[in-house]
Structure formats: C-alpha cells, structure tokens
Amino acid sequence: QHPDDPTTVAAWARPIARRLRDEGIAPVLDALAAVTAPAGSPAADVLRRERAFFRANADRMAYPSFKAQGFPIGSGAVESAARHVIQLRMKRPGMRWSDHGGRAIAALRSRLRSTRPLAA
C-alpha cells in the first residue's frame, strides 16, 4: 500500500465508495481497518481521522436503506431546493432579511412543508 500516492489511494477508494452506496458502511469500516500506516506519519493521522469520521457518521450513510425507502442519496435535489427557497425567494429585489430573520423563515417554511406532525 502507498498511502502517500494520490493515484493509488483514489484507485483503492473507488470500489469502496461503490460498495458504500450498494452495501452500506460495513465494507468501508472493514477496508479502513485493514489499512496500515507508519505510526506518527501524516498518513496515520489521516487514517485515524477517516476511521473516526466514518464511525461517527455511519447512521447517515445507510444508503441501501435510504434507497429502499425511495430517498435520494445525492445532494443535488437538496441543493436545488435550497437554492430555490433561499436564494430566489429570500433575495428578491426589495427584500431585506436579517440573518436571524432569514433563519427563522427558513425553519418555519421547512416545518410547514414537513410531513412530521406538529408538536402540541
């Protein structure tokens, strides 16, 4: 393994990313557990951070489950909606929103459009 060679790392990561999408987080955690780097090296520090990131965010990467429920797993739809709601609606000519007011309106719109029941 050559953890300092970006080409090698990218070639190693590509099939693991596909497995993450298709099988979930377990193959990623297994692959990261199998990688070694010299103690104290920059690669060892990166490896430590990546392992911690994937462990901490495993519930957010349940892609097979999300796909089975019909949820999109890419960010395009969310980014497009955010642009439409925030950029186009809140930044029209003549509109002046404070940061606090803009966040409050965004939260209110999100809550009103949500399918979750309102709290009593």
PDB file of N, CA and C in Angstrom:
ATOM      1  N   GLN A   1       0.843  -1.185   0.000  1.00  0.00           N
ATOM      2  CA  GLN A   1       0.000   0.000   0.000  1.00  0.00           C
ATOM      3  C   GLN A   1       0.879   1.235   0.000  1.00  0.00           C
ATOM      4  N   HIS A   2       0.423   2.259  -0.694  1.00  0.00           N
ATOM      5  CA  HIS A   2       1.157   3.522  -0.767  1.00  0.00           C
ATOM      6  C   HIS A   2       0.233   4.660  -0.371  1.00  0.00           C
ATOM      7  N   PRO A   3       0.076   4.899   0.937  1.00  0.00           N
ATOM      8  CA  PRO A   3      -0.905   5.877   1.396  1.00  0.00           C
ATOM      9  C   PRO A   3      -0.576   7.318   1.008  1.00  0.00           C
ATOM     10  N   ASP A   4       0.650   7.578   0.571  1.00  0.00           N
ATOM     11  CA  ASP A   4       1.008   8.945   0.196  1.00  0.00           C
ATOM     12  C   ASP A   4       0.858   9.206  -1.302  1.00  0.00           C
ATOM     13  N   ASP A   5       0.471   8.219  -2.088  1.00  0.00           N
ATOM     14  CA  ASP A   5       0.313   8.377  -3.523  1.00  0.00           C
ATOM     15  C   ASP A   5      -1.168   8.586  -3.846  1.00  0.00           C
ATOM     16  N   PRO A   6      -1.564   9.805  -4.253  1.00  0.00           N
ATOM     17  CA  PRO A   6      -2.981  10.083  -4.507  1.00  0.00           C
ATOM     18  C   PRO A   6      -3.610   9.182  -5.567  1.00  0.00           C
ATOM     19  N   THR A   7      -2.873   8.803  -6.574  1.00  0.00           N
ATOM     20  CA  THR A   7      -3.419   7.938  -7.618  1.00  0.00           C
ATOM     21  C   THR A   7      -3.755   6.563  -7.060  1.00  0.00           C
ATOM     22  N   THR A   8      -2.866   6.028  -6.254  1.00  0.00           N
ATOM     23  CA  THR A   8      -3.094   4.725  -5.636  1.00  0.00           C
ATOM     24  C   THR A   8      -4.265   4.781  -4.662  1.00  0.00           C
ATOM     25  N   VAL A   9      -4.319   5.842  -3.879  1.00  0.00           N
ATOM     26  CA  VAL A   9      -5.412   5.997  -2.914  1.00  0.00           C
ATOM     27  C   VAL A   9      -6.748   6.100  -3.642  1.00  0.00           C
ATOM     28  N   ALA A  10      -6.805   6.880  -4.727  1.00  0.00           N
ATOM     29  CA  ALA A  10      -8.049   7.022  -5.485  1.00  0.00           C
ATOM     30  C   ALA A  10      -8.485   5.688  -6.087  1.00  0.00           C
ATOM     31  N   ALA A  11      -7.540   4.937  -6.617  1.00  0.00           N
ATOM     32  CA  ALA A  11      -7.868   3.622  -7.195  1.00  0.00           C
ATOM     33  C   ALA A  11      -8.369   2.674  -6.109  1.00  0.00           C
ATOM     34  N   TRP A  12      -7.817   2.765  -4.920  1.00  0.00           N
ATOM     35  CA  TRP A  12      -8.245   1.936  -3.798  1.00  0.00           C
ATOM     36  C   TRP A  12      -9.648   2.354  -3.328  1.00  0.00           C
ATOM     37  N   ALA A  13      -9.912   3.656  -3.296  1.00  0.00           N
ATOM     38  CA  ALA A  13     -11.163   4.173  -2.732  1.00  0.00           C
ATOM     39  C   ALA A  13     -12.364   4.001  -3.655  1.00  0.00           C
ATOM     40  N   ARG A  14     -12.147   4.032  -4.953  1.00  0.00           N
ATOM     41  CA  ARG A  14     -13.262   3.992  -5.911  1.00  0.00           C
ATOM     42  C   ARG A  14     -14.196   2.788  -5.696  1.00  0.00           C
ATOM     43  N   PRO A  15     -13.675   1.559  -5.664  1.00  0.00           N
ATOM     44  CA  PRO A  15     -14.597   0.426  -5.453  1.00  0.00           C
ATOM     45  C   PRO A  15     -15.209   0.411  -4.050  1.00  0.00           C
ATOM     46  N   ILE A  16     -14.508   0.961  -3.085  1.00  0.00           N
ATOM     47  CA  ILE A  16     -15.058   1.015  -1.721  1.00  0.00           C
ATOM     48  C   ILE A  16     -16.226   1.996  -1.672  1.00  0.00           C
ATOM     49  N   ALA A  17     -16.113   3.094  -2.405  1.00  0.00           N
ATOM     50  CA  ALA A  17     -17.214   4.059  -2.465  1.00  0.00           C
ATOM     51  C   ALA A  17     -18.442   3.424  -3.111  1.00  0.00           C
ATOM     52  N   ARG A  18     -18.238   2.614  -4.128  1.00  0.00           N
ATOM     53  CA  ARG A  18     -19.365   1.912  -4.751  1.00  0.00           C
ATOM     54  C   ARG A  18     -20.004   0.937  -3.755  1.00  0.00           C
ATOM     55  N   ARG A  19     -19.163   0.258  -2.996  1.00  0.00           N
ATOM     56  CA  ARG A  19     -19.700  -0.683  -2.001  1.00  0.00           C
ATOM     57  C   ARG A  19     -20.462   0.072  -0.905  1.00  0.00           C
ATOM     58  N   LEU A  20     -19.981   1.251  -0.539  1.00  0.00           N
ATOM     59  CA  LEU A  20     -20.692   2.070   0.443  1.00  0.00           C
ATOM     60  C   LEU A  20     -22.099   2.371  -0.066  1.00  0.00           C
ATOM     61  N   ARG A  21     -22.203   2.775  -1.319  1.00  0.00           N
ATOM     62  CA  ARG A  21     -23.503   3.084  -1.921  1.00  0.00           C
ATOM     63  C   ARG A  21     -24.395   1.837  -1.975  1.00  0.00           C
ATOM     64  N   ASP A  22     -23.821   0.703  -2.343  1.00  0.00           N
ATOM     65  CA  ASP A  22     -24.615  -0.507  -2.580  1.00  0.00           C
ATOM     66  C   ASP A  22     -24.821  -1.381  -1.345  1.00  0.00           C
ATOM     67  N   GLU A  23     -23.847  -1.392  -0.417  1.00  0.00           N
ATOM     68  CA  GLU A  23     -23.892  -2.324   0.713  1.00  0.00           C
ATOM     69  C   GLU A  23     -23.949  -1.648   2.083  1.00  0.00           C
ATOM     70  N   GLY A  24     -23.644  -0.363   2.134  1.00  0.00           N
ATOM     71  CA  GLY A  24     -23.649   0.335   3.410  1.00  0.00           C
ATOM     72  C   GLY A  24     -22.252   0.527   3.967  1.00  0.00           C
ATOM     73  N   ILE A  25     -22.191   0.885   5.215  1.00  0.00           N
ATOM     74  CA  ILE A  25     -20.947   1.341   5.846  1.00  0.00           C
ATOM     75  C   ILE A  25     -19.967   0.212   6.200  1.00  0.00           C
ATOM     76  N   ALA A  26     -20.438  -0.997   6.422  1.00  0.00           N
ATOM     77  CA  ALA A  26     -19.571  -2.090   6.887  1.00  0.00           C
ATOM     78  C   ALA A  26     -18.352  -2.324   5.996  1.00  0.00           C
ATOM     79  N   PRO A  27     -18.483  -2.390   4.671  1.00  0.00           N
ATOM     80  CA  PRO A  27     -17.291  -2.605   3.847  1.00  0.00           C
ATOM     81  C   PRO A  27     -16.261  -1.477   3.968  1.00  0.00           C
ATOM     82  N   VAL A  28     -16.740  -0.265   4.193  1.00  0.00           N
ATOM     83  CA  VAL A  28     -15.813   0.867   4.350  1.00  0.00           C
ATOM     84  C   VAL A  28     -15.040   0.720   5.645  1.00  0.00           C
ATOM     85  N   LEU A  29     -15.742   0.420   6.716  1.00  0.00           N
ATOM     86  CA  LEU A  29     -15.068   0.248   8.007  1.00  0.00           C
ATOM     87  C   LEU A  29     -14.082  -0.913   7.950  1.00  0.00           C
ATOM     88  N   ASP A  30     -14.454  -2.002   7.287  1.00  0.00           N
ATOM     89  CA  ASP A  30     -13.544  -3.140   7.137  1.00  0.00           C
ATOM     90  C   ASP A  30     -12.306  -2.749   6.338  1.00  0.00           C
ATOM     91  N   ALA A  31     -12.504  -2.020   5.253  1.00  0.00           N
ATOM     92  CA  ALA A  31     -11.376  -1.610   4.408  1.00  0.00           C
ATOM     93  C   ALA A  31     -10.438  -0.678   5.166  1.00  0.00           C
ATOM     94  N   LEU A  32     -11.009   0.257   5.922  1.00  0.00           N
ATOM     95  CA  LEU A  32     -10.162   1.177   6.695  1.00  0.00           C
ATOM     96  C   LEU A  32      -9.425   0.450   7.812  1.00  0.00           C
ATOM     97  N   ALA A  33     -10.043  -0.552   8.391  1.00  0.00           N
ATOM     98  CA  ALA A  33      -9.390  -1.322   9.452  1.00  0.00           C
ATOM     99  C   ALA A  33      -8.210  -2.119   8.906  1.00  0.00           C
ATOM    100  N   ALA A  34      -8.276  -2.495   7.633  1.00  0.00           N
ATOM    101  CA  ALA A  34      -7.210  -3.299   7.033  1.00  0.00           C
ATOM    102  C   ALA A  34      -6.002  -2.468   6.597  1.00  0.00           C
ATOM    103  N   VAL A  35      -6.154  -1.142   6.546  1.00  0.00           N
ATOM    104  CA  VAL A  35      -5.064  -0.268   6.098  1.00  0.00           C
ATOM    105  C   VAL A  35      -4.140   0.030   7.265  1.00  0.00           C
ATOM    106  N   THR A  36      -2.850   0.020   6.982  1.00  0.00           N
ATOM    107  CA  THR A  36      -1.861   0.393   7.991  1.00  0.00           C
ATOM    108  C   THR A  36      -1.018   1.545   7.474  1.00  0.00           C
ATOM    109  N   ALA A  37      -0.511   2.326   8.389  1.00  0.00           N
ATOM    110  CA  ALA A  37       0.394   3.428   8.060  1.00  0.00           C
ATOM    111  C   ALA A  37       1.398   3.546   9.202  1.00  0.00           C
ATOM    112  N   PRO A  38       2.603   3.987   8.898  1.00  0.00           N
ATOM    113  CA  PRO A  38       3.609   4.121   9.959  1.00  0.00           C
ATOM    114  C   PRO A  38       3.137   5.058  11.069  1.00  0.00           C
ATOM    115  N   ALA A  39       3.312   4.630  12.296  1.00  0.00           N
ATOM    116  CA  ALA A  39       2.900   5.438  13.441  1.00  0.00           C
ATOM    117  C   ALA A  39       3.567   6.803  13.375  1.00  0.00           C
ATOM    118  N   GLY A  40       2.764   7.839  13.637  1.00  0.00           N
ATOM    119  CA  GLY A  40       3.282   9.198  13.648  1.00  0.00           C
ATOM    120  C   GLY A  40       3.383   9.848  12.275  1.00  0.00           C
ATOM    121  N   SER A  41       3.094   9.105  11.235  1.00  0.00           N
ATOM    122  CA  SER A  41       3.183   9.665   9.879  1.00  0.00           C
ATOM    123  C   SER A  41       1.925  10.469   9.563  1.00  0.00           C
ATOM    124  N   PRO A  42       2.011  11.377   8.579  1.00  0.00           N
ATOM    125  CA  PRO A  42       0.806  12.101   8.167  1.00  0.00           C
ATOM    126  C   PRO A  42      -0.291  11.147   7.699  1.00  0.00           C
ATOM    127  N   ALA A  43       0.075  10.071   7.042  1.00  0.00           N
ATOM    128  CA  ALA A  43      -0.919   9.097   6.580  1.00  0.00           C
ATOM    129  C   ALA A  43      -1.635   8.458   7.761  1.00  0.00           C
ATOM    130  N   ALA A  44      -0.931   8.184   8.841  1.00  0.00           N
ATOM    131  CA  ALA A  44      -1.556   7.588  10.030  1.00  0.00           C
ATOM    132  C   ALA A  44      -2.567   8.543  10.643  1.00  0.00           C
ATOM    133  N   ASP A  45      -2.242   9.841  10.632  1.00  0.00           N
ATOM    134  CA  ASP A  45      -3.165  10.839  11.161  1.00  0.00           C
ATOM    135  C   ASP A  45      -4.426  10.930  10.304  1.00  0.00           C
ATOM    136  N   VAL A  46      -4.253  10.923   8.980  1.00  0.00           N
ATOM    137  CA  VAL A  46      -5.397  10.954   8.069  1.00  0.00           C
ATOM    138  C   VAL A  46      -6.249   9.703   8.269  1.00  0.00           C
ATOM    139  N   LEU A  47      -5.626   8.575   8.375  1.00  0.00           N
ATOM    140  CA  LEU A  47      -6.334   7.318   8.566  1.00  0.00           C
ATOM    141  C   LEU A  47      -7.145   7.326   9.861  1.00  0.00           C
ATOM    142  N   ARG A  48      -6.552   7.833  10.923  1.00  0.00           N
ATOM    143  CA  ARG A  48      -7.250   7.943  12.211  1.00  0.00           C
ATOM    144  C   ARG A  48      -8.485   8.831  12.081  1.00  0.00           C
ATOM    145  N   ARG A  49      -8.324   9.989  11.430  1.00  0.00           N
ATOM    146  CA  ARG A  49      -9.457  10.908  11.248  1.00  0.00           C
ATOM    147  C   ARG A  49     -10.558  10.286  10.392  1.00  0.00           C
ATOM    148  N   GLU A  50     -10.174   9.594   9.323  1.00  0.00           N
ATOM    149  CA  GLU A  50     -11.173   8.985   8.434  1.00  0.00           C
ATOM    150  C   GLU A  50     -11.931   7.873   9.137  1.00  0.00           C
ATOM    151  N   ARG A  51     -11.225   7.049   9.893  1.00  0.00           N
ATOM    152  CA  ARG A  51     -11.912   5.987  10.643  1.00  0.00           C
ATOM    153  C   ARG A  51     -12.919   6.597  11.606  1.00  0.00           C
ATOM    154  N   ALA A  52     -12.508   7.645  12.315  1.00  0.00           N
ATOM    155  CA  ALA A  52     -13.405   8.301  13.276  1.00  0.00           C
ATOM    156  C   ALA A  52     -14.601   8.924  12.561  1.00  0.00           C
ATOM    157  N   PHE A  53     -14.371   9.541  11.410  1.00  0.00           N
ATOM    158  CA  PHE A  53     -15.455  10.156  10.649  1.00  0.00           C
ATOM    159  C   PHE A  53     -16.483   9.120  10.225  1.00  0.00           C
ATOM    160  N   PHE A  54     -16.038   8.026   9.647  1.00  0.00           N
ATOM    161  CA  PHE A  54     -16.982   7.021   9.167  1.00  0.00           C
ATOM    162  C   PHE A  54     -17.716   6.343  10.317  1.00  0.00           C
ATOM    163  N   ARG A  55     -17.042   6.121  11.436  1.00  0.00           N
ATOM    164  CA  ARG A  55     -17.736   5.538  12.595  1.00  0.00           C
ATOM    165  C   ARG A  55     -18.796   6.505  13.127  1.00  0.00           C
ATOM    166  N   ALA A  56     -18.435   7.782  13.252  1.00  0.00           N
ATOM    167  CA  ALA A  56     -19.347   8.775  13.818  1.00  0.00           C
ATOM    168  C   ALA A  56     -20.546   9.051  12.911  1.00  0.00           C
ATOM    169  N   ASN A  57     -20.374   8.890  11.612  1.00  0.00           N
ATOM    170  CA  ASN A  57     -21.434   9.225  10.659  1.00  0.00           C
ATOM    171  C   ASN A  57     -22.069   8.010   9.992  1.00  0.00           C
ATOM    172  N   ALA A  58     -21.866   6.845  10.564  1.00  0.00           N
ATOM    173  CA  ALA A  58     -22.374   5.610   9.958  1.00  0.00           C
ATOM    174  C   ALA A  58     -23.878   5.653   9.733  1.00  0.00           C
ATOM    175  N   ASP A  59     -24.634   6.208  10.681  1.00  0.00           N
ATOM    176  CA  ASP A  59     -26.089   6.238  10.526  1.00  0.00           C
ATOM    177  C   ASP A  59     -26.531   7.130   9.368  1.00  0.00           C
ATOM    178  N   ARG A  60     -25.706   8.088   9.001  1.00  0.00           N
ATOM    179  CA  ARG A  60     -26.019   8.972   7.870  1.00  0.00           C
ATOM    180  C   ARG A  60     -25.671   8.333   6.528  1.00  0.00           C
ATOM    181  N   MET A  61     -24.997   7.206   6.560  1.00  0.00           N
ATOM    182  CA  MET A  61     -24.540   6.553   5.339  1.00  0.00           C
ATOM    183  C   MET A  61     -25.217   5.206   5.120  1.00  0.00           C
ATOM    184  N   ALA A  62     -26.432   5.083   5.570  1.00  0.00           N
ATOM    185  CA  ALA A  62     -27.201   3.847   5.375  1.00  0.00           C
ATOM    186  C   ALA A  62     -27.857   3.892   3.993  1.00  0.00           C
ATOM    187  N   TYR A  63     -27.049   4.064   2.973  1.00  0.00           N
ATOM    188  CA  TYR A  63     -27.548   4.298   1.621  1.00  0.00           C
ATOM    189  C   TYR A  63     -28.469   3.198   1.088  1.00  0.00           C
ATOM    190  N   PRO A  64     -28.176   1.921   1.283  1.00  0.00           N
ATOM    191  CA  PRO A  64     -29.119   0.907   0.786  1.00  0.00           C
ATOM    192  C   PRO A  64     -30.513   1.062   1.407  1.00  0.00           C
ATOM    193  N   SER A  65     -30.557   1.361   2.680  1.00  0.00           N
ATOM    194  CA  SER A  65     -31.837   1.565   3.359  1.00  0.00           C
ATOM    195  C   SER A  65     -32.535   2.811   2.822  1.00  0.00           C
ATOM    196  N   PHE A  66     -31.781   3.885   2.627  1.00  0.00           N
ATOM    197  CA  PHE A  66     -32.366   5.117   2.108  1.00  0.00           C
ATOM    198  C   PHE A  66     -32.930   4.902   0.707  1.00  0.00           C
ATOM    199  N   LYS A  67     -32.164   4.191  -0.134  1.00  0.00           N
ATOM    200  CA  LYS A  67     -32.638   3.924  -1.497  1.00  0.00           C
ATOM    201  C   LYS A  67     -33.901   3.066  -1.474  1.00  0.00           C
ATOM    202  N   ALA A  68     -33.948   2.072  -0.587  1.00  0.00           N
ATOM    203  CA  ALA A  68     -35.113   1.192  -0.490  1.00  0.00           C
ATOM    204  C   ALA A  68     -36.373   1.959  -0.079  1.00  0.00           C
ATOM    205  N   GLN A  69     -36.185   3.043   0.668  1.00  0.00           N
ATOM    206  CA  GLN A  69     -37.313   3.868   1.096  1.00  0.00           C
ATOM    207  C   GLN A  69     -37.668   4.942   0.072  1.00  0.00           C
ATOM    208  N   GLY A  70     -36.895   4.995  -1.012  1.00  0.00           N
ATOM    209  CA  GLY A  70     -37.173   5.962  -2.067  1.00  0.00           C
ATOM    210  C   GLY A  70     -36.531   7.321  -1.859  1.00  0.00           C
ATOM    211  N   PHE A  71     -35.633   7.424  -0.894  1.00  0.00           N
ATOM    212  CA  PHE A  71     -34.962   8.697  -0.648  1.00  0.00           C
ATOM    213  C   PHE A  71     -33.806   8.874  -1.623  1.00  0.00           C
ATOM    214  N   PRO A  72     -33.564  10.097  -2.072  1.00  0.00           N
ATOM    215  CA  PRO A  72     -32.376  10.332  -2.901  1.00  0.00           C
ATOM    216  C   PRO A  72     -31.129  10.265  -2.020  1.00  0.00           C
ATOM    217  N   ILE A  73     -30.040   9.752  -2.551  1.00  0.00           N
ATOM    218  CA  ILE A  73     -28.814   9.692  -1.752  1.00  0.00           C
ATOM    219  C   ILE A  73     -27.787  10.720  -2.222  1.00  0.00           C
ATOM    220  N   GLY A  74     -28.089  11.431  -3.284  1.00  0.00           N
ATOM    221  CA  GLY A  74     -27.222  12.512  -3.740  1.00  0.00           C
ATOM    222  C   GLY A  74     -27.689  13.829  -3.146  1.00  0.00           C
ATOM    223  N   SER A  75     -26.861  14.839  -3.241  1.00  0.00           N
ATOM    224  CA  SER A  75     -27.212  16.132  -2.656  1.00  0.00           C
ATOM    225  C   SER A  75     -27.859  17.082  -3.660  1.00  0.00           C
ATOM    226  N   GLY A  76     -27.968  16.694  -4.920  1.00  0.00           N
ATOM    227  CA  GLY A  76     -28.469  17.598  -5.948  1.00  0.00           C
ATOM    228  C   GLY A  76     -29.863  18.138  -5.684  1.00  0.00           C
ATOM    229  N   ALA A  77     -30.785  17.270  -5.292  1.00  0.00           N
ATOM    230  CA  ALA A  77     -32.162  17.716  -5.056  1.00  0.00           C
ATOM    231  C   ALA A  77     -32.231  18.691  -3.884  1.00  0.00           C
ATOM    232  N   VAL A  78     -31.480  18.410  -2.836  1.00  0.00           N
ATOM    233  CA  VAL A  78     -31.481  19.287  -1.668  1.00  0.00           C
ATOM    234  C   VAL A  78     -30.837  20.628  -2.014  1.00  0.00           C
ATOM    235  N   GLU A  79     -29.715  20.591  -2.723  1.00  0.00           N
ATOM    236  CA  GLU A  79     -29.048  21.836  -3.100  1.00  0.00           C
ATOM    237  C   GLU A  79     -29.931  22.675  -4.010  1.00  0.00           C
ATOM    238  N   SER A  80     -30.625  22.040  -4.929  1.00  0.00           N
ATOM    239  CA  SER A  80     -31.519  22.754  -5.829  1.00  0.00           C
ATOM    240  C   SER A  80     -32.677  23.386  -5.055  1.00  0.00           C
ATOM    241  N   ALA A  81     -33.261  22.640  -4.135  1.00  0.00           N
ATOM    242  CA  ALA A  81     -34.362  23.172  -3.337  1.00  0.00           C
ATOM    243  C   ALA A  81     -33.892  24.330  -2.469  1.00  0.00           C
ATOM    244  N   ALA A  82     -32.722  24.185  -1.863  1.00  0.00           N
ATOM    245  CA  ALA A  82     -32.189  25.260  -1.027  1.00  0.00           C
ATOM    246  C   ALA A  82     -31.958  26.515  -1.859  1.00  0.00           C
ATOM    247  N   ARG A  83     -31.447  26.337  -3.053  1.00  0.00           N
ATOM    248  CA  ARG A  83     -31.216  27.494  -3.910  1.00  0.00           C
ATOM    249  C   ARG A  83     -32.541  28.167  -4.248  1.00  0.00           C
ATOM    250  N   HIS A  84     -33.531  27.364  -4.590  1.00  0.00           N
ATOM    251  CA  HIS A  84     -34.824  27.934  -4.952  1.00  0.00           C
ATOM    252  C   HIS A  84     -35.452  28.668  -3.773  1.00  0.00           C
ATOM    253  N   VAL A  85     -35.548  28.010  -2.647  1.00  0.00           N
ATOM    254  CA  VAL A  85     -36.240  28.599  -1.497  1.00  0.00           C
ATOM    255  C   VAL A  85     -35.453  29.759  -0.905  1.00  0.00           C
ATOM    256  N   ILE A  86     -34.182  29.570  -0.721  1.00  0.00           N
ATOM    257  CA  ILE A  86     -33.385  30.599  -0.049  1.00  0.00           C
ATOM    258  C   ILE A  86     -32.949  31.697  -1.013  1.00  0.00           C
ATOM    259  N   GLN A  87     -32.264  31.319  -2.058  1.00  0.00           N
ATOM    260  CA  GLN A  87     -31.711  32.315  -2.970  1.00  0.00           C
ATOM    261  C   GLN A  87     -32.800  33.094  -3.695  1.00  0.00           C
ATOM    262  N   LEU A  88     -33.690  32.392  -4.353  1.00  0.00           N
ATOM    263  CA  LEU A  88     -34.664  33.068  -5.202  1.00  0.00           C
ATOM    264  C   LEU A  88     -35.779  33.750  -4.417  1.00  0.00           C
ATOM    265  N   ARG A  89     -36.238  33.127  -3.347  1.00  0.00           N
ATOM    266  CA  ARG A  89     -37.357  33.713  -2.610  1.00  0.00           C
ATOM    267  C   ARG A  89     -36.934  34.751  -1.588  1.00  0.00           C
ATOM    268  N   MET A  90     -35.799  34.557  -0.958  1.00  0.00           N
ATOM    269  CA  MET A  90     -35.418  35.461   0.122  1.00  0.00           C
ATOM    270  C   MET A  90     -34.492  36.579  -0.338  1.00  0.00           C
ATOM    271  N   LYS A  91     -34.003  36.499  -1.546  1.00  0.00           N
ATOM    272  CA  LYS A  91     -33.077  37.529  -2.021  1.00  0.00           C
ATOM    273  C   LYS A  91     -33.645  38.289  -3.217  1.00  0.00           C
ATOM    274  N   ARG A  92     -34.957  38.363  -3.303  1.00  0.00           N
ATOM    275  CA  ARG A  92     -35.597  39.128  -4.368  1.00  0.00           C
ATOM    276  C   ARG A  92     -35.379  40.620  -4.118  1.00  0.00           C
ATOM    277  N   PRO A  93     -35.493  41.406  -5.172  1.00  0.00           N
ATOM    278  CA  PRO A  93     -35.333  42.855  -5.004  1.00  0.00           C
ATOM    279  C   PRO A  93     -36.298  43.398  -3.951  1.00  0.00           C
ATOM    280  N   GLY A  94     -35.797  44.241  -3.103  1.00  0.00           N
ATOM    281  CA  GLY A  94     -36.606  44.873  -2.067  1.00  0.00           C
ATOM    282  C   GLY A  94     -36.725  44.083  -0.784  1.00  0.00           C
ATOM    283  N   MET A  95     -36.298  42.840  -0.779  1.00  0.00           N
ATOM    284  CA  MET A  95     -36.391  42.039   0.438  1.00  0.00           C
ATOM    285  C   MET A  95     -35.138  42.248   1.277  1.00  0.00           C
ATOM    286  N   ARG A  96     -35.356  42.493   2.533  1.00  0.00           N
ATOM    287  CA  ARG A  96     -34.235  42.688   3.452  1.00  0.00           C
ATOM    288  C   ARG A  96     -34.435  41.777   4.644  1.00  0.00           C
ATOM    289  N   TRP A  97     -33.605  40.770   4.748  1.00  0.00           N
ATOM    290  CA  TRP A  97     -33.710  39.824   5.833  1.00  0.00           C
ATOM    291  C   TRP A  97     -32.454  39.895   6.694  1.00  0.00           C
ATOM    292  N   SER A  98     -32.653  39.949   7.994  1.00  0.00           N
ATOM    293  CA  SER A  98     -31.509  39.799   8.891  1.00  0.00           C
ATOM    294  C   SER A  98     -31.128  38.321   8.878  1.00  0.00           C
ATOM    295  N   ASP A  99     -29.942  38.009   9.337  1.00  0.00           N
ATOM    296  CA  ASP A  99     -29.529  36.607   9.406  1.00  0.00           C
ATOM    297  C   ASP A  99     -30.501  35.824  10.287  1.00  0.00           C
ATOM    298  N   HIS A 100     -30.845  36.392  11.429  1.00  0.00           N
ATOM    299  CA  HIS A 100     -31.771  35.731  12.352  1.00  0.00           C
ATOM    300  C   HIS A 100     -33.149  35.563  11.713  1.00  0.00           C
ATOM    301  N   GLY A 101     -33.658  36.601  11.085  1.00  0.00           N
ATOM    302  CA  GLY A 101     -34.977  36.529  10.449  1.00  0.00           C
ATOM    303  C   GLY A 101     -35.001  35.532   9.301  1.00  0.00           C
ATOM    304  N   GLY A 102     -33.931  35.517   8.505  1.00  0.00           N
ATOM    305  CA  GLY A 102     -33.839  34.563   7.395  1.00  0.00           C
ATOM    306  C   GLY A 102     -33.839  33.133   7.885  1.00  0.00           C
ATOM    307  N   ARG A 103     -33.089  32.875   8.945  1.00  0.00           N
ATOM    308  CA  ARG A 103     -33.058  31.518   9.506  1.00  0.00           C
ATOM    309  C   ARG A 103     -34.424  31.128  10.069  1.00  0.00           C
ATOM    310  N   ALA A 104     -35.099  32.083  10.723  1.00  0.00           N
ATOM    311  CA  ALA A 104     -36.417  31.797  11.290  1.00  0.00           C
ATOM    312  C   ALA A 104     -37.416  31.464  10.187  1.00  0.00           C
ATOM    313  N   ILE A 105     -37.412  32.222   9.111  1.00  0.00           N
ATOM    314  CA  ILE A 105     -38.339  31.960   7.999  1.00  0.00           C
ATOM    315  C   ILE A 105     -38.016  30.625   7.335  1.00  0.00           C
ATOM    316  N   ALA A 106     -36.715  30.345   7.144  1.00  0.00           N
ATOM    317  CA  ALA A 106     -36.326  29.064   6.540  1.00  0.00           C
ATOM    318  C   ALA A 106     -36.788  27.900   7.414  1.00  0.00           C
ATOM    319  N   ALA A 107     -36.627  28.027   8.727  1.00  0.00           N
ATOM    320  CA  ALA A 107     -37.068  26.963   9.645  1.00  0.00           C
ATOM    321  C   ALA A 107     -38.587  26.820   9.616  1.00  0.00           C
ATOM    322  N   LEU A 108     -39.300  27.936   9.570  1.00  0.00           N
ATOM    323  CA  LEU A 108     -40.752  27.898   9.525  1.00  0.00           C
ATOM    324  C   LEU A 108     -41.241  27.242   8.237  1.00  0.00           C
ATOM    325  N   ARG A 109     -40.673  27.640   7.096  1.00  0.00           N
ATOM    326  CA  ARG A 109     -41.072  27.045   5.814  1.00  0.00           C
ATOM    327  C   ARG A 109     -40.797  25.541   5.817  1.00  0.00           C
ATOM    328  N   SER A 110     -39.639  25.161   6.347  1.00  0.00           N
ATOM    329  CA  SER A 110     -39.287  23.745   6.412  1.00  0.00           C
ATOM    330  C   SER A 110     -40.293  22.984   7.271  1.00  0.00           C
ATOM    331  N   ARG A 111     -40.635  23.540   8.396  1.00  0.00           N
ATOM    332  CA  ARG A 111     -41.559  22.882   9.318  1.00  0.00           C
ATOM    333  C   ARG A 111     -42.957  22.761   8.704  1.00  0.00           C
ATOM    334  N   LEU A 112     -43.401  23.828   8.028  1.00  0.00           N
ATOM    335  CA  LEU A 112     -44.732  23.809   7.423  1.00  0.00           C
ATOM    336  C   LEU A 112     -44.829  22.808   6.269  1.00  0.00           C
ATOM    337  N   ARG A 113     -43.732  22.601   5.562  1.00  0.00           N
ATOM    338  CA  ARG A 113     -43.720  21.674   4.432  1.00  0.00           C
ATOM    339  C   ARG A 113     -43.405  20.238   4.848  1.00  0.00           C
ATOM    340  N   SER A 114     -43.007  20.058   6.090  1.00  0.00           N
ATOM    341  CA  SER A 114     -42.635  18.736   6.587  1.00  0.00           C
ATOM    342  C   SER A 114     -43.871  17.875   6.765  1.00  0.00           C
ATOM    343  N   THR A 115     -43.666  16.579   6.672  1.00  0.00           N
ATOM    344  CA  THR A 115     -44.764  15.647   6.917  1.00  0.00           C
ATOM    345  C   THR A 115     -44.845  15.228   8.384  1.00  0.00           C
ATOM    346  N   ARG A 116     -43.890  15.715   9.176  1.00  0.00           N
ATOM    347  CA  ARG A 116     -43.923  15.376  10.602  1.00  0.00           C
ATOM    348  C   ARG A 116     -45.077  16.103  11.287  1.00  0.00           C
ATOM    349  N   PRO A 117     -45.747  15.469  12.251  1.00  0.00           N
ATOM    350  CA  PRO A 117     -46.841  16.146  12.962  1.00  0.00           C
ATOM    351  C   PRO A 117     -46.287  17.289  13.818  1.00  0.00           C
ATOM    352  N   LEU A 118     -47.072  18.333  13.926  1.00  0.00           N
ATOM    353  CA  LEU A 118     -46.686  19.480  14.758  1.00  0.00           C
ATOM    354  C   LEU A 118     -46.784  19.098  16.227  1.00  0.00           C
ATOM    355  N   ALA A 119     -45.864  19.600  17.016  1.00  0.00           N
ATOM    356  CA  ALA A 119     -45.886  19.330  18.455  1.00  0.00           C
ATOM    357  C   ALA A 119     -46.989  20.161  19.106  1.00  0.00           C
ATOM    358  N   ALA A 120     -47.535  19.643  20.178  1.00  0.00           N
ATOM    359  CA  ALA A 120     -48.621  20.350  20.882  1.00  0.00           C
ATOM    360  C   ALA A 120     -48.081  21.471  21.721  1.00  0.00           C
TER     361      ALA A 120
END
